[in-house]
Protein backbone atom coordinates (compact mmCIF):
# COMPACT_ATOMS: atom_id res chain seq x y z
CA MET A 1 -53.54 -8.87 -181.97
CA SER A 2 -52.20 -10.01 -178.64
CA ILE A 3 -50.60 -13.52 -178.62
CA ASP A 4 -52.18 -16.29 -176.36
CA PHE A 5 -48.80 -17.88 -175.55
CA ASP A 6 -50.52 -20.79 -173.71
CA ALA A 7 -52.72 -21.83 -176.83
CA LEU A 8 -49.66 -21.20 -179.12
CA TRP A 9 -47.31 -23.54 -177.00
CA LYS A 10 -50.14 -26.26 -176.80
CA HIS A 11 -50.48 -26.18 -180.54
CA VAL A 12 -47.10 -26.23 -181.41
CA SER A 13 -46.01 -28.83 -178.71
CA SER A 14 -48.87 -31.15 -179.85
CA ASN A 15 -47.16 -31.36 -183.26
CA PHE A 16 -43.44 -32.21 -182.03
CA PHE A 17 -42.03 -35.22 -183.16
CA GLY A 18 -40.76 -36.82 -180.17
CA ASP A 19 -41.13 -37.15 -176.50
CA PRO A 20 -42.00 -33.58 -175.11
CA ILE A 21 -40.37 -34.23 -171.69
CA HIS A 22 -37.16 -36.18 -172.50
CA SER A 23 -36.07 -34.96 -176.27
CA PRO A 24 -33.09 -32.68 -175.67
CA HIS A 25 -34.83 -30.35 -178.14
CA GLY A 26 -38.23 -30.56 -177.19
CA PRO A 27 -40.80 -28.36 -175.10
CA ALA A 28 -38.77 -28.61 -171.86
CA HIS A 29 -35.77 -27.08 -173.75
CA TRP A 30 -38.08 -24.51 -175.39
CA LYS A 31 -39.24 -23.28 -172.04
CA ARG A 32 -35.54 -22.84 -170.68
CA VAL A 33 -34.57 -21.02 -173.88
CA GLU A 34 -37.60 -18.94 -173.37
CA ARG A 35 -36.57 -18.09 -169.96
CA ASN A 36 -33.14 -17.54 -170.87
CA GLY A 37 -34.09 -15.24 -173.85
CA VAL A 38 -36.50 -12.95 -171.42
CA LEU A 39 -33.64 -12.64 -168.85
CA LEU A 40 -31.11 -11.66 -171.88
CA ALA A 41 -33.74 -9.45 -173.22
CA SER A 42 -33.87 -7.47 -169.95
CA ARG A 43 -30.20 -6.14 -170.62
CA THR A 44 -29.88 -6.44 -174.47
CA GLY A 45 -33.13 -4.27 -175.44
CA ALA A 46 -34.24 -7.34 -177.57
CA ASP A 47 -37.92 -7.69 -178.63
CA VAL A 48 -39.24 -10.00 -176.19
CA THR A 49 -42.15 -11.36 -178.28
CA VAL A 50 -39.69 -12.08 -180.99
CA VAL A 51 -37.34 -14.13 -178.31
CA ARG A 52 -40.43 -15.85 -176.81
CA LEU A 53 -41.57 -16.94 -180.32
CA PHE A 54 -38.05 -17.85 -181.50
CA ALA A 55 -37.69 -20.10 -178.24
CA LEU A 56 -41.04 -22.08 -179.22
CA PHE A 57 -40.32 -22.40 -183.09
CA HIS A 58 -36.64 -22.80 -183.44
CA ASP A 59 -36.64 -26.67 -182.66
CA SER A 60 -40.09 -27.28 -183.23
CA LYS A 61 -39.83 -28.92 -186.56
CA ARG A 62 -36.87 -31.35 -186.00
CA GLU A 63 -37.36 -34.66 -187.31
CA ASN A 64 -35.01 -36.28 -184.94
CA ASP A 65 -32.60 -35.41 -181.99
CA MET A 66 -29.62 -35.98 -183.80
CA THR A 67 -28.14 -34.47 -186.90
CA ASP A 68 -31.12 -32.31 -188.75
CA PRO A 69 -29.40 -29.29 -190.97
CA GLU A 70 -32.72 -28.16 -191.97
CA HIS A 71 -34.87 -27.84 -188.88
CA GLY A 72 -34.27 -24.34 -188.17
CA LEU A 73 -35.79 -23.49 -191.80
CA ARG A 74 -38.53 -25.78 -190.99
CA GLY A 75 -39.40 -24.04 -187.85
CA ALA A 76 -39.41 -20.72 -189.52
CA GLN A 77 -41.71 -22.05 -192.16
CA TYR A 78 -43.96 -23.51 -189.60
CA ALA A 79 -44.15 -20.26 -187.89
CA ARG A 80 -45.12 -18.67 -191.17
CA THR A 81 -47.95 -21.10 -191.38
CA LEU A 82 -49.48 -20.01 -188.01
CA LYS A 83 -48.74 -16.11 -188.45
CA GLY A 84 -52.12 -14.44 -188.72
CA SER A 85 -54.09 -17.18 -187.02
CA LEU A 86 -52.41 -18.07 -183.80
CA PHE A 87 -50.10 -15.29 -183.55
CA ASP A 88 -49.26 -11.81 -185.55
CA LEU A 89 -46.17 -9.84 -185.87
CA ASP A 90 -45.44 -7.12 -188.41
CA ASP A 91 -43.31 -7.83 -191.31
CA ARG A 92 -40.22 -6.34 -189.68
CA ARG A 93 -40.34 -8.36 -186.50
CA PHE A 94 -41.45 -11.66 -188.16
CA ALA A 95 -38.39 -11.12 -190.33
CA LEU A 96 -36.09 -11.35 -187.27
CA LEU A 97 -37.94 -14.29 -186.20
CA ASP A 98 -37.58 -15.88 -189.62
CA TYR A 99 -33.82 -15.23 -189.61
CA ALA A 100 -33.33 -16.37 -186.04
CA CYS A 101 -34.94 -19.48 -186.40
CA THR A 102 -33.45 -20.36 -190.04
CA TRP A 103 -29.84 -19.68 -188.94
CA HIS A 104 -29.53 -20.61 -185.26
CA THR A 105 -27.23 -23.36 -185.76
CA ASP A 106 -25.32 -22.16 -188.82
CA ILE A 107 -24.03 -18.60 -187.98
CA ASP A 108 -22.07 -17.82 -184.76
CA HIS A 109 -22.72 -14.21 -184.26
CA SER A 110 -25.26 -11.40 -184.69
CA ASP A 111 -25.10 -7.77 -184.05
CA ASP A 112 -28.86 -7.30 -183.83
CA PRO A 113 -29.72 -7.72 -180.43
CA THR A 114 -33.07 -9.71 -180.85
CA ILE A 115 -31.37 -12.15 -182.84
CA GLY A 116 -28.33 -12.23 -180.62
CA SER A 117 -30.51 -12.91 -177.82
CA CYS A 118 -32.29 -15.67 -179.36
CA TRP A 119 -29.18 -17.57 -180.25
CA ASP A 120 -27.56 -16.77 -177.01
CA ALA A 121 -30.69 -18.20 -175.03
CA ASP A 122 -30.44 -21.48 -177.03
CA ARG A 123 -26.57 -21.81 -176.49
CA LEU A 124 -27.10 -20.91 -172.85
CA ASP A 125 -29.11 -24.20 -172.59
CA LEU A 126 -26.49 -26.22 -173.87
CA GLY A 127 -25.69 -28.04 -170.54
CA ARG A 128 -28.82 -30.47 -171.34
CA VAL A 129 -26.42 -32.31 -173.69
CA GLY A 130 -23.37 -32.09 -171.72
CA MET A 131 -21.63 -29.10 -173.17
CA ILE A 132 -20.38 -25.87 -171.52
CA PRO A 133 -21.64 -22.58 -173.34
CA ASN A 134 -18.56 -20.72 -174.99
CA ARG A 135 -18.53 -16.99 -174.41
CA ASN A 136 -16.98 -17.13 -178.06
CA LEU A 137 -20.41 -18.29 -179.63
CA MET A 138 -22.32 -15.54 -177.47
CA SER A 139 -23.61 -12.55 -179.47
CA THR A 140 -24.50 -10.27 -176.56
CA ASP A 141 -22.18 -8.88 -173.88
CA PHE A 142 -24.67 -10.21 -171.27
CA GLY A 143 -24.66 -13.63 -172.81
CA LYS A 144 -20.84 -13.77 -172.54
CA LEU A 145 -21.13 -12.58 -168.83
CA ILE A 146 -23.39 -15.50 -168.17
CA ALA A 147 -21.23 -18.14 -170.11
CA ASP A 148 -18.00 -16.79 -168.18
CA THR A 149 -19.90 -17.37 -165.00
CA GLY A 150 -20.76 -21.05 -165.81
CA THR A 151 -24.54 -20.77 -164.91
CA ILE A 152 -27.27 -18.63 -165.47
CA PHE A 153 -28.92 -19.39 -162.00
CA PRO A 154 -27.43 -16.27 -160.08
CA PHE A 155 -28.77 -13.91 -162.79
CA ILE A 156 -32.20 -15.70 -162.49
CA LYS A 157 -32.05 -15.41 -158.70
CA GLN A 158 -31.14 -11.66 -159.00
CA THR A 159 -33.90 -10.88 -161.32
CA GLU A 160 -36.34 -12.51 -159.19
CA GLN A 161 -34.72 -10.68 -156.23
CA ASP A 162 -35.09 -7.36 -157.88
CA ALA A 163 -38.83 -8.23 -159.03
CA ALA A 164 -39.66 -9.06 -155.32
CA ALA A 165 -38.13 -5.70 -154.26
CA ASN A 166 -39.85 -3.46 -156.77
CA PRO A 167 -43.31 -4.82 -157.21
């Protein structure tokens, strides 16, 4: 089953609690996490589909923009309710998604390239709330390099240039 990401994004976004544009945890943030995660996956070997689904679900069931310690677990549970209807993954890949969503704010590091890329992708968007990403909280070497650089944009630009040079 291929995933219609546009339809899935519309469905999940329509069920977000807050302002989809201005919430620091809403769909605009999810899109940046997806962009960051796809870039990270290009160098970490992460499962791009799991990374993209993480971006969508990790904050999708927040109840507020402040302290919400159970939001990752709720996001994972929400993904479980849509699995098999709006998207599908085998059990091994879904377990990665479930773990990444559930623990993204409670565990600092993962040696798994997919989980690590998910968490780094989220942490690389901390600038939205005035925080600078910390290399010590990155799981992947590429995430650490981006954090050390202070911005992801040179890496995005280089990827775009590489894609244009190699159509």
